[in-house]
mmCIF file of all heavy atoms, coordinates in Angstrom:
data_MODEL
# 
_entry.id   MODEL 
# 
loop_
_atom_site.group_PDB 
_atom_site.id 
_atom_site.type_symbol 
_atom_site.label_atom_id 
_atom_site.label_alt_id 
_atom_site.label_comp_id 
_atom_site.label_asym_id 
_atom_site.label_entity_id 
_atom_site.label_seq_id 
_atom_site.pdbx_PDB_ins_code 
_atom_site.Cartn_x 
_atom_site.Cartn_y 
_atom_site.Cartn_z 
_atom_site.occupancy 
_atom_site.B_iso_or_equiv 
_atom_site.pdbx_formal_charge 
_atom_site.auth_seq_id 
_atom_site.auth_comp_id 
_atom_site.auth_asym_id 
_atom_site.auth_atom_id 
_atom_site.pdbx_PDB_model_num 
ATOM 1   N N   . VAL A 1 1  ? 84.613 81.812 81.005 1.00 0.00 ? 1  VAL A N   1 
ATOM 2   C CA  . VAL A 1 1  ? 84.733 83.059 80.201 1.00 0.00 ? 1  VAL A CA  1 
ATOM 3   C C   . VAL A 1 1  ? 83.482 83.296 79.348 1.00 0.00 ? 1  VAL A C   1 
ATOM 4   O O   . VAL A 1 1  ? 83.279 84.433 78.882 1.00 0.00 ? 1  VAL A O   1 
ATOM 5   C CB  . VAL A 1 1  ? 85.999 83.072 79.382 1.00 0.00 ? 1  VAL A CB  1 
ATOM 6   C CG1 . VAL A 1 1  ? 87.232 83.042 80.269 1.00 0.00 ? 1  VAL A CG1 1 
ATOM 7   C CG2 . VAL A 1 1  ? 86.014 81.953 78.380 1.00 0.00 ? 1  VAL A CG2 1 
ATOM 8   N N   . PHE A 1 2  ? 82.690 82.263 79.079 1.00 0.00 ? 2  PHE A N   1 
ATOM 9   C CA  . PHE A 1 2  ? 81.514 82.415 78.243 1.00 0.00 ? 2  PHE A CA  1 
ATOM 10  C C   . PHE A 1 2  ? 80.207 82.237 79.048 1.00 0.00 ? 2  PHE A C   1 
ATOM 11  O O   . PHE A 1 2  ? 79.130 82.171 78.512 1.00 0.00 ? 2  PHE A O   1 
ATOM 12  C CB  . PHE A 1 2  ? 81.520 81.488 77.067 1.00 0.00 ? 2  PHE A CB  1 
ATOM 13  C CG  . PHE A 1 2  ? 82.703 81.711 76.136 1.00 0.00 ? 2  PHE A CG  1 
ATOM 14  C CD1 . PHE A 1 2  ? 83.776 80.869 76.157 1.00 0.00 ? 2  PHE A CD1 1 
ATOM 15  C CD2 . PHE A 1 2  ? 82.721 82.793 75.299 1.00 0.00 ? 2  PHE A CD2 1 
ATOM 16  C CE1 . PHE A 1 2  ? 84.888 81.077 75.365 1.00 0.00 ? 2  PHE A CE1 1 
ATOM 17  C CE2 . PHE A 1 2  ? 83.804 83.048 74.479 1.00 0.00 ? 2  PHE A CE2 1 
ATOM 18  C CZ  . PHE A 1 2  ? 84.903 82.150 74.487 1.00 0.00 ? 2  PHE A CZ  1 
ATOM 19  N N   . THR A 1 3  ? 80.306 82.092 80.392 1.00 0.00 ? 3  THR A N   1 
ATOM 20  C CA  . THR A 1 3  ? 79.196 81.882 81.330 1.00 0.00 ? 3  THR A CA  1 
ATOM 21  C C   . THR A 1 3  ? 78.466 80.589 81.183 1.00 0.00 ? 3  THR A C   1 
ATOM 22  O O   . THR A 1 3  ? 77.324 80.437 81.665 1.00 0.00 ? 3  THR A O   1 
ATOM 23  C CB  . THR A 1 3  ? 78.193 83.077 81.273 1.00 0.00 ? 3  THR A CB  1 
ATOM 24  O OG1 . THR A 1 3  ? 77.441 83.015 80.052 1.00 0.00 ? 3  THR A OG1 1 
ATOM 25  C CG2 . THR A 1 3  ? 78.900 84.419 81.384 1.00 0.00 ? 3  THR A CG2 1 
ATOM 26  N N   . ALA A 1 4  ? 79.034 79.617 80.494 1.00 0.00 ? 4  ALA A N   1 
ATOM 27  C CA  . ALA A 1 4  ? 78.317 78.366 80.238 1.00 0.00 ? 4  ALA A CA  1 
ATOM 28  C C   . ALA A 1 4  ? 78.121 77.561 81.547 1.00 0.00 ? 4  ALA A C   1 
ATOM 29  O O   . ALA A 1 4  ? 77.208 76.743 81.612 1.00 0.00 ? 4  ALA A O   1 
ATOM 30  C CB  . ALA A 1 4  ? 79.114 77.507 79.262 1.00 0.00 ? 4  ALA A CB  1 
ATOM 31  N N   . THR A 1 5  ? 78.949 77.787 82.552 1.00 0.00 ? 5  THR A N   1 
ATOM 32  C CA  . THR A 1 5  ? 78.822 77.085 83.814 1.00 0.00 ? 5  THR A CA  1 
ATOM 33  C C   . THR A 1 5  ? 78.325 77.985 84.927 1.00 0.00 ? 5  THR A C   1 
ATOM 34  O O   . THR A 1 5  ? 78.480 77.628 86.123 1.00 0.00 ? 5  THR A O   1 
ATOM 35  C CB  . THR A 1 5  ? 80.131 76.424 84.219 1.00 0.00 ? 5  THR A CB  1 
ATOM 36  O OG1 . THR A 1 5  ? 81.154 77.417 84.297 1.00 0.00 ? 5  THR A OG1 1 
ATOM 37  C CG2 . THR A 1 5  ? 80.559 75.406 83.174 1.00 0.00 ? 5  THR A CG2 1 
ATOM 38  N N   . LYS A 1 6  ? 77.759 79.065 84.629 1.00 0.00 ? 6  LYS A N   1 
ATOM 39  C CA  . LYS A 1 6  ? 77.315 80.079 85.619 1.00 0.00 ? 6  LYS A CA  1 
ATOM 40  C C   . LYS A 1 6  ? 76.270 79.430 86.577 1.00 0.00 ? 6  LYS A C   1 
ATOM 41  O O   . LYS A 1 6  ? 75.360 78.669 86.194 1.00 0.00 ? 6  LYS A O   1 
ATOM 42  C CB  . LYS A 1 6  ? 76.654 81.265 84.921 1.00 0.00 ? 6  LYS A CB  1 
ATOM 43  C CG  . LYS A 1 6  ? 76.334 82.426 85.820 1.00 0.00 ? 6  LYS A CG  1 
ATOM 44  C CD  . LYS A 1 6  ? 75.884 83.621 85.010 1.00 0.00 ? 6  LYS A CD  1 
ATOM 45  C CE  . LYS A 1 6  ? 75.486 84.827 85.882 1.00 0.00 ? 6  LYS A CE  1 
ATOM 46  N NZ  . LYS A 1 6  ? 76.649 85.298 86.696 1.00 0.00 ? 6  LYS A NZ  1 
ATOM 47  N N   . ASN A 1 7  ? 76.412 79.719 87.837 1.00 0.00 ? 7  ASN A N   1 
ATOM 48  C CA  . ASN A 1 7  ? 75.562 79.337 88.955 1.00 0.00 ? 7  ASN A CA  1 
ATOM 49  C C   . ASN A 1 7  ? 75.615 77.854 89.295 1.00 0.00 ? 7  ASN A C   1 
ATOM 50  O O   . ASN A 1 7  ? 74.882 77.371 90.216 1.00 0.00 ? 7  ASN A O   1 
ATOM 51  C CB  . ASN A 1 7  ? 74.101 79.741 88.646 1.00 0.00 ? 7  ASN A CB  1 
ATOM 52  C CG  . ASN A 1 7  ? 73.897 81.227 88.548 1.00 0.00 ? 7  ASN A CG  1 
ATOM 53  O OD1 . ASN A 1 7  ? 74.558 81.968 89.254 1.00 0.00 ? 7  ASN A OD1 1 
ATOM 54  N ND2 . ASN A 1 7  ? 72.995 81.635 87.675 1.00 0.00 ? 7  ASN A ND2 1 
ATOM 55  N N   . LEU A 1 8  ? 76.437 77.048 88.648 1.00 0.00 ? 8  LEU A N   1 
ATOM 56  C CA  . LEU A 1 8  ? 76.495 75.618 88.976 1.00 0.00 ? 8  LEU A CA  1 
ATOM 57  C C   . LEU A 1 8  ? 77.074 75.401 90.356 1.00 0.00 ? 8  LEU A C   1 
ATOM 58  O O   . LEU A 1 8  ? 76.576 74.556 91.109 1.00 0.00 ? 8  LEU A O   1 
ATOM 59  C CB  . LEU A 1 8  ? 77.331 74.889 87.926 1.00 0.00 ? 8  LEU A CB  1 
ATOM 60  C CG  . LEU A 1 8  ? 76.826 74.829 86.512 1.00 0.00 ? 8  LEU A CG  1 
ATOM 61  C CD1 . LEU A 1 8  ? 77.723 73.948 85.654 1.00 0.00 ? 8  LEU A CD1 1 
ATOM 62  C CD2 . LEU A 1 8  ? 75.388 74.370 86.420 1.00 0.00 ? 8  LEU A CD2 1 
ATOM 63  N N   . THR A 1 9  ? 78.050 76.196 90.744 1.00 0.00 ? 9  THR A N   1 
ATOM 64  C CA  . THR A 1 9  ? 78.628 76.048 92.083 1.00 0.00 ? 9  THR A CA  1 
ATOM 65  C C   . THR A 1 9  ? 77.618 76.400 93.157 1.00 0.00 ? 9  THR A C   1 
ATOM 66  O O   . THR A 1 9  ? 77.479 75.671 94.165 1.00 0.00 ? 9  THR A O   1 
ATOM 67  C CB  . THR A 1 9  ? 79.905 76.931 92.260 1.00 0.00 ? 9  THR A CB  1 
ATOM 68  O OG1 . THR A 1 9  ? 80.838 76.601 91.180 1.00 0.00 ? 9  THR A OG1 1 
ATOM 69  C CG2 . THR A 1 9  ? 80.546 76.684 93.558 1.00 0.00 ? 9  THR A CG2 1 
ATOM 70  N N   . ASP A 1 10 ? 76.875 77.457 92.929 1.00 0.00 ? 10 ASP A N   1 
ATOM 71  C CA  . ASP A 1 10 ? 75.847 77.869 93.936 1.00 0.00 ? 10 ASP A CA  1 
ATOM 72  C C   . ASP A 1 10 ? 74.805 76.774 94.090 1.00 0.00 ? 10 ASP A C   1 
ATOM 73  O O   . ASP A 1 10 ? 74.351 76.506 95.194 1.00 0.00 ? 10 ASP A O   1 
ATOM 74  C CB  . ASP A 1 10 ? 75.181 79.159 93.474 1.00 0.00 ? 10 ASP A CB  1 
ATOM 75  C CG  . ASP A 1 10 ? 76.088 80.370 93.650 1.00 0.00 ? 10 ASP A CG  1 
ATOM 76  O OD1 . ASP A 1 10 ? 77.094 80.255 94.384 1.00 0.00 ? 10 ASP A OD1 1 
ATOM 77  O OD2 . ASP A 1 10 ? 75.824 81.429 93.046 1.00 0.00 ? 10 ASP A OD2 1 
ATOM 78  N N   . GLU A 1 11 ? 74.372 76.188 92.985 1.00 0.00 ? 11 GLU A N   1 
ATOM 79  C CA  . GLU A 1 11 ? 73.285 75.225 93.035 1.00 0.00 ? 11 GLU A CA  1 
ATOM 80  C C   . GLU A 1 11 ? 73.731 73.832 93.537 1.00 0.00 ? 11 GLU A C   1 
ATOM 81  O O   . GLU A 1 11 ? 72.943 73.138 94.198 1.00 0.00 ? 11 GLU A O   1 
ATOM 82  C CB  . GLU A 1 11 ? 72.636 75.071 91.657 1.00 0.00 ? 11 GLU A CB  1 
ATOM 83  C CG  . GLU A 1 11 ? 71.848 76.288 91.191 1.00 0.00 ? 11 GLU A CG  1 
ATOM 84  C CD  . GLU A 1 11 ? 70.929 76.002 90.004 1.00 0.00 ? 11 GLU A CD  1 
ATOM 85  O OE1 . GLU A 1 11 ? 70.507 74.829 89.841 1.00 0.00 ? 11 GLU A OE1 1 
ATOM 86  O OE2 . GLU A 1 11 ? 70.704 76.920 89.241 1.00 0.00 ? 11 GLU A OE2 1 
ATOM 87  N N   . PHE A 1 12 ? 74.963 73.449 93.187 1.00 0.00 ? 12 PHE A N   1 
ATOM 88  C CA  . PHE A 1 12 ? 75.355 72.077 93.459 1.00 0.00 ? 12 PHE A CA  1 
ATOM 89  C C   . PHE A 1 12 ? 76.535 71.939 94.398 1.00 0.00 ? 12 PHE A C   1 
ATOM 90  O O   . PHE A 1 12 ? 76.887 70.802 94.754 1.00 0.00 ? 12 PHE A O   1 
ATOM 91  C CB  . PHE A 1 12 ? 75.651 71.367 92.130 1.00 0.00 ? 12 PHE A CB  1 
ATOM 92  C CG  . PHE A 1 12 ? 74.470 71.285 91.216 1.00 0.00 ? 12 PHE A CG  1 
ATOM 93  C CD1 . PHE A 1 12 ? 74.357 72.163 90.172 1.00 0.00 ? 12 PHE A CD1 1 
ATOM 94  C CD2 . PHE A 1 12 ? 73.443 70.379 91.413 1.00 0.00 ? 12 PHE A CD2 1 
ATOM 95  C CE1 . PHE A 1 12 ? 73.274 72.134 89.323 1.00 0.00 ? 12 PHE A CE1 1 
ATOM 96  C CE2 . PHE A 1 12 ? 72.333 70.355 90.577 1.00 0.00 ? 12 PHE A CE2 1 
ATOM 97  C CZ  . PHE A 1 12 ? 72.240 71.247 89.525 1.00 0.00 ? 12 PHE A CZ  1 
ATOM 98  N N   . GLY A 1 13 ? 77.146 73.017 94.768 1.00 0.00 ? 13 GLY A N   1 
ATOM 99  C CA  . GLY A 1 13 ? 78.226 72.973 95.713 1.00 0.00 ? 13 GLY A CA  1 
ATOM 100 C C   . GLY A 1 13 ? 79.580 72.950 95.111 1.00 0.00 ? 13 GLY A C   1 
ATOM 101 O O   . GLY A 1 13 ? 79.760 72.551 93.938 1.00 0.00 ? 13 GLY A O   1 
ATOM 102 N N   . GLY A 1 14 ? 80.585 73.314 95.910 1.00 0.00 ? 14 GLY A N   1 
ATOM 103 C CA  . GLY A 1 14 ? 81.954 73.434 95.378 1.00 0.00 ? 14 GLY A CA  1 
ATOM 104 C C   . GLY A 1 14 ? 82.642 72.117 95.161 1.00 0.00 ? 14 GLY A C   1 
ATOM 105 O O   . GLY A 1 14 ? 83.726 72.056 94.542 1.00 0.00 ? 14 GLY A O   1 
ATOM 106 N N   . ASP A 1 15 ? 82.009 70.989 95.588 1.00 0.00 ? 15 ASP A N   1 
ATOM 107 C CA  . ASP A 1 15 ? 82.603 69.706 95.276 1.00 0.00 ? 15 ASP A CA  1 
ATOM 108 C C   . ASP A 1 15 ? 82.059 69.111 93.977 1.00 0.00 ? 15 ASP A C   1 
ATOM 109 O O   . ASP A 1 15 ? 82.502 68.080 93.496 1.00 0.00 ? 15 ASP A O   1 
ATOM 110 C CB  . ASP A 1 15 ? 82.335 68.675 96.414 1.00 0.00 ? 15 ASP A CB  1 
ATOM 111 C CG  . ASP A 1 15 ? 80.848 68.433 96.646 1.00 0.00 ? 15 ASP A CG  1 
ATOM 112 O OD1 . ASP A 1 15 ? 80.024 69.291 96.288 1.00 0.00 ? 15 ASP A OD1 1 
ATOM 113 O OD2 . ASP A 1 15 ? 80.518 67.360 97.252 1.00 0.00 ? 15 ASP A OD2 1 
ATOM 114 N N   . ARG A 1 16 ? 81.051 69.814 93.357 1.00 0.00 ? 16 ARG A N   1 
ATOM 115 C CA  . ARG A 1 16 ? 80.524 69.330 92.093 1.00 0.00 ? 16 ARG A CA  1 
ATOM 116 C C   . ARG A 1 16 ? 80.811 70.282 90.950 1.00 0.00 ? 16 ARG A C   1 
ATOM 117 O O   . ARG A 1 16 ? 80.746 69.889 89.767 1.00 0.00 ? 16 ARG A O   1 
ATOM 118 C CB  . ARG A 1 16 ? 78.986 69.165 92.189 1.00 0.00 ? 16 ARG A CB  1 
ATOM 119 C CG  . ARG A 1 16 ? 78.529 68.277 93.310 1.00 0.00 ? 16 ARG A CG  1 
ATOM 120 C CD  . ARG A 1 16 ? 77.903 66.949 92.918 1.00 0.00 ? 16 ARG A CD  1 
ATOM 121 N NE  . ARG A 1 16 ? 77.357 66.758 91.624 1.00 0.00 ? 16 ARG A NE  1 
ATOM 122 C CZ  . ARG A 1 16 ? 76.044 66.753 91.313 1.00 0.00 ? 16 ARG A CZ  1 
ATOM 123 N NH1 . ARG A 1 16 ? 75.127 66.998 92.247 1.00 0.00 ? 16 ARG A NH1 1 
ATOM 124 N NH2 . ARG A 1 16 ? 75.665 66.443 90.088 1.00 0.00 ? 16 ARG A NH2 1 
ATOM 125 N N   . CYS A 1 17 ? 81.134 71.528 91.223 1.00 0.00 ? 17 CYS A N   1 
ATOM 126 C CA  . CYS A 1 17 ? 81.597 72.451 90.178 1.00 0.00 ? 17 CYS A CA  1 
ATOM 127 C C   . CYS A 1 17 ? 82.704 73.285 90.794 1.00 0.00 ? 17 CYS A C   1 
ATOM 128 O O   . CYS A 1 17 ? 82.475 74.107 91.684 1.00 0.00 ? 17 CYS A O   1 
ATOM 129 C CB  . CYS A 1 17 ? 80.454 73.320 89.704 1.00 0.00 ? 17 CYS A CB  1 
ATOM 130 S SG  . CYS A 1 17 ? 80.993 74.523 88.412 1.00 0.00 ? 17 CYS A SG  1 
ATOM 131 N N   . PHE A 1 18 ? 83.929 73.094 90.305 1.00 0.00 ? 18 PHE A N   1 
ATOM 132 C CA  . PHE A 1 18 ? 85.061 73.726 90.928 1.00 0.00 ? 18 PHE A CA  1 
ATOM 133 C C   . PHE A 1 18 ? 86.105 74.097 89.887 1.00 0.00 ? 18 PHE A C   1 
ATOM 134 O O   . PHE A 1 18 ? 86.119 73.570 88.782 1.00 0.00 ? 18 PHE A O   1 
ATOM 135 C CB  . PHE A 1 18 ? 85.642 72.816 92.024 1.00 0.00 ? 18 PHE A CB  1 
ATOM 136 C CG  . PHE A 1 18 ? 85.972 71.400 91.531 1.00 0.00 ? 18 PHE A CG  1 
ATOM 137 C CD1 . PHE A 1 18 ? 87.197 71.093 90.992 1.00 0.00 ? 18 PHE A CD1 1 
ATOM 138 C CD2 . PHE A 1 18 ? 85.007 70.402 91.672 1.00 0.00 ? 18 PHE A CD2 1 
ATOM 139 C CE1 . PHE A 1 18 ? 87.476 69.800 90.586 1.00 0.00 ? 18 PHE A CE1 1 
ATOM 140 C CE2 . PHE A 1 18 ? 85.327 69.075 91.268 1.00 0.00 ? 18 PHE A CE2 1 
ATOM 141 C CZ  . PHE A 1 18 ? 86.542 68.803 90.702 1.00 0.00 ? 18 PHE A CZ  1 
ATOM 142 N N   . ASN A 1 19 ? 87.022 74.979 90.322 1.00 0.00 ? 19 ASN A N   1 
ATOM 143 C CA  . ASN A 1 19 ? 88.109 75.397 89.473 1.00 0.00 ? 19 ASN A CA  1 
ATOM 144 C C   . ASN A 1 19 ? 89.274 74.446 89.561 1.00 0.00 ? 19 ASN A C   1 
ATOM 145 O O   . ASN A 1 19 ? 89.565 73.880 90.596 1.00 0.00 ? 19 ASN A O   1 
ATOM 146 C CB  . ASN A 1 19 ? 88.579 76.794 89.869 1.00 0.00 ? 19 ASN A CB  1 
ATOM 147 C CG  . ASN A 1 19 ? 87.644 77.927 89.461 1.00 0.00 ? 19 ASN A CG  1 
ATOM 148 O OD1 . ASN A 1 19 ? 86.946 77.771 88.448 1.00 0.00 ? 19 ASN A OD1 1 
ATOM 149 N ND2 . ASN A 1 19 ? 87.590 78.932 90.225 1.00 0.00 ? 19 ASN A ND2 1 
ATOM 150 N N   . SER A 1 20 ? 89.936 74.266 88.417 1.00 0.00 ? 20 SER A N   1 
ATOM 151 C CA  . SER A 1 20 ? 91.169 73.486 88.388 1.00 0.00 ? 20 SER A CA  1 
ATOM 152 C C   . SER A 1 20 ? 92.370 74.419 88.275 1.00 0.00 ? 20 SER A C   1 
ATOM 153 O O   . SER A 1 20 ? 92.246 75.611 88.009 1.00 0.00 ? 20 SER A O   1 
ATOM 154 C CB  . SER A 1 20 ? 91.143 72.587 87.113 1.00 0.00 ? 20 SER A CB  1 
ATOM 155 O OG  . SER A 1 20 ? 91.312 73.414 85.973 1.00 0.00 ? 20 SER A OG  1 
ATOM 156 N N   . PRO A 1 21 ? 93.566 73.871 88.520 1.00 0.00 ? 21 PRO A N   1 
ATOM 157 C CA  . PRO A 1 21 ? 94.760 74.642 88.158 1.00 0.00 ? 21 PRO A CA  1 
ATOM 158 C C   . PRO A 1 21 ? 94.775 74.894 86.638 1.00 0.00 ? 21 PRO A C   1 
ATOM 159 O O   . PRO A 1 21 ? 94.120 74.190 85.884 1.00 0.00 ? 21 PRO A O   1 
ATOM 160 C CB  . PRO A 1 21 ? 95.926 73.760 88.561 1.00 0.00 ? 21 PRO A CB  1 
ATOM 161 C CG  . PRO A 1 21 ? 95.346 72.807 89.582 1.00 0.00 ? 21 PRO A CG  1 
ATOM 162 C CD  . PRO A 1 21 ? 93.931 72.606 89.176 1.00 0.00 ? 21 PRO A CD  1 
ATOM 163 N N   . LEU A 1 22 ? 95.523 75.869 86.207 1.00 0.00 ? 22 LEU A N   1 
ATOM 164 C CA  . LEU A 1 22 ? 95.629 76.182 84.799 1.00 0.00 ? 22 LEU A CA  1 
ATOM 165 C C   . LEU A 1 22 ? 96.633 75.222 84.194 1.00 0.00 ? 22 LEU A C   1 
ATOM 166 O O   . LEU A 1 22 ? 97.775 75.531 83.924 1.00 0.00 ? 22 LEU A O   1 
ATOM 167 C CB  . LEU A 1 22 ? 96.084 77.657 84.593 1.00 0.00 ? 22 LEU A CB  1 
ATOM 168 C CG  . LEU A 1 22 ? 95.750 78.322 83.263 1.00 0.00 ? 22 LEU A CG  1 
ATOM 169 C CD1 . LEU A 1 22 ? 95.964 79.800 83.328 1.00 0.00 ? 22 LEU A CD1 1 
ATOM 170 C CD2 . LEU A 1 22 ? 96.505 77.714 82.099 1.00 0.00 ? 22 LEU A CD2 1 
ATOM 171 N N   . ALA A 1 23 ? 96.132 74.011 83.953 1.00 0.00 ? 23 ALA A N   1 
ATOM 172 C CA  . ALA A 1 23 ? 96.999 72.946 83.460 1.00 0.00 ? 23 ALA A CA  1 
ATOM 173 C C   . ALA A 1 23 ? 96.098 71.963 82.717 1.00 0.00 ? 23 ALA A C   1 
ATOM 174 O O   . ALA A 1 23 ? 95.466 71.076 83.340 1.00 0.00 ? 23 ALA A O   1 
ATOM 175 C CB  . ALA A 1 23 ? 97.759 72.257 84.576 1.00 0.00 ? 23 ALA A CB  1 
ATOM 176 N N   . GLU A 1 24 ? 95.980 72.100 81.392 1.00 0.00 ? 24 GLU A N   1 
ATOM 177 C CA  . GLU A 1 24 ? 95.055 71.327 80.636 1.00 0.00 ? 24 GLU A CA  1 
ATOM 178 C C   . GLU A 1 24 ? 95.263 69.845 80.657 1.00 0.00 ? 24 GLU A C   1 
ATOM 179 O O   . GLU A 1 24 ? 94.346 69.021 80.725 1.00 0.00 ? 24 GLU A O   1 
ATOM 180 C CB  . GLU A 1 24 ? 95.036 71.840 79.155 1.00 0.00 ? 24 GLU A CB  1 
ATOM 181 C CG  . GLU A 1 24 ? 94.440 73.209 78.971 1.00 0.00 ? 24 GLU A CG  1 
ATOM 182 C CD  . GLU A 1 24 ? 95.414 74.356 79.268 1.00 0.00 ? 24 GLU A CD  1 
ATOM 183 O OE1 . GLU A 1 24 ? 96.595 74.049 79.596 1.00 0.00 ? 24 GLU A OE1 1 
ATOM 184 O OE2 . GLU A 1 24 ? 94.990 75.502 79.265 1.00 0.00 ? 24 GLU A OE2 1 
ATOM 185 N N   . GLY A 1 25 ? 96.545 69.426 80.718 1.00 0.00 ? 25 GLY A N   1 
ATOM 186 C CA  . GLY A 1 25 ? 96.827 68.001 80.833 1.00 0.00 ? 25 GLY A CA  1 
ATOM 187 C C   . GLY A 1 25 ? 96.308 67.436 82.131 1.00 0.00 ? 25 GLY A C   1 
ATOM 188 O O   . GLY A 1 25 ? 95.819 66.305 82.222 1.00 0.00 ? 25 GLY A O   1 
ATOM 189 N N   . SER A 1 26 ? 96.335 68.236 83.227 1.00 0.00 ? 26 SER A N   1 
ATOM 190 C CA  . SER A 1 26 ? 95.832 67.808 84.507 1.00 0.00 ? 26 SER A CA  1 
ATOM 191 C C   . SER A 1 26 ? 94.338 67.711 84.492 1.00 0.00 ? 26 SER A C   1 
ATOM 192 O O   . SER A 1 26 ? 93.741 66.816 85.120 1.00 0.00 ? 26 SER A O   1 
ATOM 193 C CB  . SER A 1 26 ? 96.283 68.758 85.564 1.00 0.00 ? 26 SER A CB  1 
ATOM 194 O OG  . SER A 1 26 ? 97.667 68.784 85.761 1.00 0.00 ? 26 SER A OG  1 
# 
């Protein structure tokens, strides 16, 4: 939401920067 991780997925792939479920404990 603050763009701190912008373009990481493009540069390093979906196995290195990916979305989690909305579950902070997880």
